[in-house]
Amino acid sequence: MTLYFESDQIKIYRQRQKGGSNRFGFSATLTVAAADIQPASLERVQASEGRIGALYQAFIDEDIDIKEGDQIAVVGSLKRYSVKGVTQWSGAGLLSHKELTLQSEDGNA
């Protein structure tokens, strides 16, 4: 159990090779998790050279398998994000979590 406000349910997608070909596509990892998604601070947007309104932060449980390059979709909406960074915060009991840097993929932030 972590200490953040779970405001959304997300589904995680990972890029995988299709068959034995050189084609790749995103497929669901069958993981649905609670997350807190927030617009990134102005300082974070500037540090990552992102666009205001397109960069977000999310907080999820530390045990969720998620990697840079994955995509997440908010369950029940059209919101979709690319995972640009994953930071693990461990060893702090209730404060242990993963912090994600997300980029909006649909323009419907």
C-alpha atoms as a PDB file:
ATOM      1  CA  MET A   1       0.000   0.000   0.000  1.00  0.00           C
ATOM      2  CA  THR A   2       1.425   3.351  -1.014  1.00  0.00           C
ATOM      3  CA  LEU A   3       0.607   6.866   0.027  1.00  0.00           C
ATOM      4  CA  TYR A   4      -0.808   8.684  -3.022  1.00  0.00           C
ATOM      5  CA  PHE A   5      -4.287   9.384  -4.361  1.00  0.00           C
ATOM      6  CA  GLU A   6      -5.425   6.692  -6.784  1.00  0.00           C
ATOM      7  CA  SER A   7      -7.433   8.752  -9.262  1.00  0.00           C
ATOM      8  CA  ASP A   8      -7.319   6.507 -12.352  1.00  0.00           C
ATOM      9  CA  GLN A   9      -7.252   2.873 -13.432  1.00  0.00           C
ATOM     10  CA  ILE A  10      -4.652   2.236 -16.127  1.00  0.00           C
ATOM     11  CA  LYS A  11      -3.960  -0.629 -18.507  1.00  0.00           C
ATOM     12  CA  ILE A  12      -0.332  -1.219 -19.511  1.00  0.00           C
ATOM     13  CA  TYR A  13       0.736  -2.041 -23.089  1.00  0.00           C
ATOM     14  CA  ARG A  14       4.180  -3.293 -24.145  1.00  0.00           C
ATOM     15  CA  GLN A  15       5.746  -3.416 -27.607  1.00  0.00           C
ATOM     16  CA  ARG A  16       6.225  -6.997 -28.783  1.00  0.00           C
ATOM     17  CA  GLN A  17       7.368  -8.713 -31.951  1.00  0.00           C
ATOM     18  CA  LYS A  18       4.507 -10.070 -34.081  1.00  0.00           C
ATOM     19  CA  GLY A  19       5.020 -13.709 -34.998  1.00  0.00           C
ATOM     20  CA  GLY A  20       8.505 -14.366 -36.337  1.00  0.00           C
ATOM     21  CA  SER A  21       8.526 -11.204 -38.447  1.00  0.00           C
ATOM     22  CA  ASN A  22      10.330  -7.896 -38.078  1.00  0.00           C
ATOM     23  CA  ARG A  23       7.010  -6.208 -37.277  1.00  0.00           C
ATOM     24  CA  PHE A  24       6.233  -4.913 -33.815  1.00  0.00           C
ATOM     25  CA  GLY A  25       3.050  -3.761 -32.144  1.00  0.00           C
ATOM     26  CA  PHE A  26       1.696  -2.917 -28.712  1.00  0.00           C
ATOM     27  CA  SER A  27      -0.245  -5.557 -26.815  1.00  0.00           C
ATOM     28  CA  ALA A  28      -1.787  -5.466 -23.368  1.00  0.00           C
ATOM     29  CA  THR A  29       0.222  -6.939 -20.498  1.00  0.00           C
ATOM     30  CA  LEU A  30      -3.113  -7.809 -18.845  1.00  0.00           C
ATOM     31  CA  THR A  31      -2.118  -5.506 -15.996  1.00  0.00           C
ATOM     32  CA  VAL A  32      -4.694  -3.045 -14.705  1.00  0.00           C
ATOM     33  CA  ALA A  33      -3.452  -0.861 -11.882  1.00  0.00           C
ATOM     34  CA  ALA A  34      -4.501   2.135  -9.829  1.00  0.00           C
ATOM     35  CA  ALA A  35      -2.561   5.316 -10.572  1.00  0.00           C
ATOM     36  CA  ASP A  36      -2.486   9.010  -9.741  1.00  0.00           C
ATOM     37  CA  ILE A  37      -1.881  10.991 -12.960  1.00  0.00           C
ATOM     38  CA  GLN A  38      -1.094  14.708 -12.719  1.00  0.00           C
ATOM     39  CA  PRO A  39       0.191  17.393 -15.097  1.00  0.00           C
ATOM     40  CA  ALA A  40       3.968  17.752 -14.749  1.00  0.00           C
ATOM     41  CA  SER A  41       5.329  20.833 -13.040  1.00  0.00           C
ATOM     42  CA  LEU A  42       6.670  23.658 -15.200  1.00  0.00           C
ATOM     43  CA  GLU A  43      10.203  22.892 -13.937  1.00  0.00           C
ATOM     44  CA  ARG A  44       9.940  19.240 -15.032  1.00  0.00           C
ATOM     45  CA  VAL A  45       8.572  20.228 -18.444  1.00  0.00           C
ATOM     46  CA  GLN A  46      11.473  22.636 -18.980  1.00  0.00           C
ATOM     47  CA  ALA A  47      14.070  20.115 -17.737  1.00  0.00           C
ATOM     48  CA  SER A  48      12.862  17.449 -20.160  1.00  0.00           C
ATOM     49  CA  GLU A  49      12.339  19.909 -23.028  1.00  0.00           C
ATOM     50  CA  GLY A  50       8.692  18.870 -23.260  1.00  0.00           C
ATOM     51  CA  ARG A  51       5.546  20.762 -24.226  1.00  0.00           C
ATOM     52  CA  ILE A  52       3.326  22.274 -21.554  1.00  0.00           C
ATOM     53  CA  GLY A  53       0.127  20.226 -21.415  1.00  0.00           C
ATOM     54  CA  ALA A  54       1.713  17.131 -22.949  1.00  0.00           C
ATOM     55  CA  LEU A  55       3.934  15.970 -20.072  1.00  0.00           C
ATOM     56  CA  TYR A  56       2.507  14.222 -16.998  1.00  0.00           C
ATOM     57  CA  GLN A  57       3.625  12.477 -13.835  1.00  0.00           C
ATOM     58  CA  ALA A  58       1.992   9.330 -12.504  1.00  0.00           C
ATOM     59  CA  PHE A  59       2.432   7.463  -9.254  1.00  0.00           C
ATOM     60  CA  ILE A  60       1.791   3.714  -9.024  1.00  0.00           C
ATOM     61  CA  ASP A  61       2.486   0.830  -6.665  1.00  0.00           C
ATOM     62  CA  GLU A  62       6.142  -0.215  -6.573  1.00  0.00           C
ATOM     63  CA  ASP A  63       5.301  -3.824  -7.526  1.00  0.00           C
ATOM     64  CA  ILE A  64       3.751  -2.974 -10.925  1.00  0.00           C
ATOM     65  CA  ASP A  65       5.835  -4.168 -13.900  1.00  0.00           C
ATOM     66  CA  ILE A  66       6.217  -1.113 -16.143  1.00  0.00           C
ATOM     67  CA  LYS A  67       9.151   0.045 -18.274  1.00  0.00           C
ATOM     68  CA  GLU A  68      10.268   2.967 -20.399  1.00  0.00           C
ATOM     69  CA  GLY A  69       8.725   2.594 -23.833  1.00  0.00           C
ATOM     70  CA  ASP A  70       5.492   1.058 -22.528  1.00  0.00           C
ATOM     71  CA  GLN A  71       2.186   2.779 -23.143  1.00  0.00           C
ATOM     72  CA  ILE A  72      -0.668   3.195 -20.716  1.00  0.00           C
ATOM     73  CA  ALA A  73      -4.331   3.788 -21.388  1.00  0.00           C
ATOM     74  CA  VAL A  74      -6.744   5.165 -18.807  1.00  0.00           C
ATOM     75  CA  VAL A  75      -9.580   2.660 -18.412  1.00  0.00           C
ATOM     76  CA  GLY A  76     -12.934   4.155 -19.399  1.00  0.00           C
ATOM     77  CA  SER A  77     -11.488   7.059 -21.401  1.00  0.00           C
ATOM     78  CA  LEU A  78      -9.554   7.771 -24.586  1.00  0.00           C
ATOM     79  CA  LYS A  79      -6.486   9.049 -22.727  1.00  0.00           C
ATOM     80  CA  ARG A  80      -3.240   7.338 -23.766  1.00  0.00           C
ATOM     81  CA  TYR A  81       0.331   8.055 -22.663  1.00  0.00           C
ATOM     82  CA  SER A  82       3.853   6.889 -23.536  1.00  0.00           C
ATOM     83  CA  VAL A  83       6.104   6.069 -20.587  1.00  0.00           C
ATOM     84  CA  LYS A  84       9.230   8.238 -20.920  1.00  0.00           C
ATOM     85  CA  GLY A  85      10.772   7.484 -17.528  1.00  0.00           C
ATOM     86  CA  VAL A  86      10.352   5.221 -14.488  1.00  0.00           C
ATOM     87  CA  THR A  87      11.817   6.074 -11.076  1.00  0.00           C
ATOM     88  CA  GLN A  88      11.618   3.561  -8.211  1.00  0.00           C
ATOM     89  CA  TRP A  89      11.248   4.990  -4.681  1.00  0.00           C
ATOM     90  CA  SER A  90      11.819   2.118  -2.218  1.00  0.00           C
ATOM     91  CA  GLY A  91      12.558   1.502   1.404  1.00  0.00           C
ATOM     92  CA  ALA A  92      10.279   4.155   2.810  1.00  0.00           C
ATOM     93  CA  GLY A  93       7.353   1.978   3.910  1.00  0.00           C
ATOM     94  CA  LEU A  94       4.121   3.715   2.950  1.00  0.00           C
ATOM     95  CA  LEU A  95       6.034   6.081   0.675  1.00  0.00           C
ATOM     96  CA  SER A  96       7.462   3.320  -1.569  1.00  0.00           C
ATOM     97  CA  HIS A  97       6.179   3.747  -5.137  1.00  0.00           C
ATOM     98  CA  LYS A  98       7.126   4.207  -8.787  1.00  0.00           C
ATOM     99  CA  GLU A  99       7.033   7.648 -10.346  1.00  0.00           C
ATOM    100  CA  LEU A 100       6.401   7.715 -14.096  1.00  0.00           C
ATOM    101  CA  THR A 101       7.106  10.485 -16.579  1.00  0.00           C
ATOM    102  CA  LEU A 102       4.413  10.324 -19.254  1.00  0.00           C
ATOM    103  CA  GLN A 103       3.835  12.037 -22.571  1.00  0.00           C
ATOM    104  CA  SER A 104       0.285  12.405 -23.850  1.00  0.00           C
ATOM    105  CA  GLU A 105      -0.200  10.512 -27.116  1.00  0.00           C
ATOM    106  CA  ASP A 106      -3.695  11.584 -28.031  1.00  0.00           C
ATOM    107  CA  GLY A 107      -3.874  15.327 -27.525  1.00  0.00           C
ATOM    108  CA  ASN A 108      -6.869  14.777 -25.217  1.00  0.00           C
ATOM    109  CA  ALA A 109      -4.970  15.415 -22.016  1.00  0.00           C
END
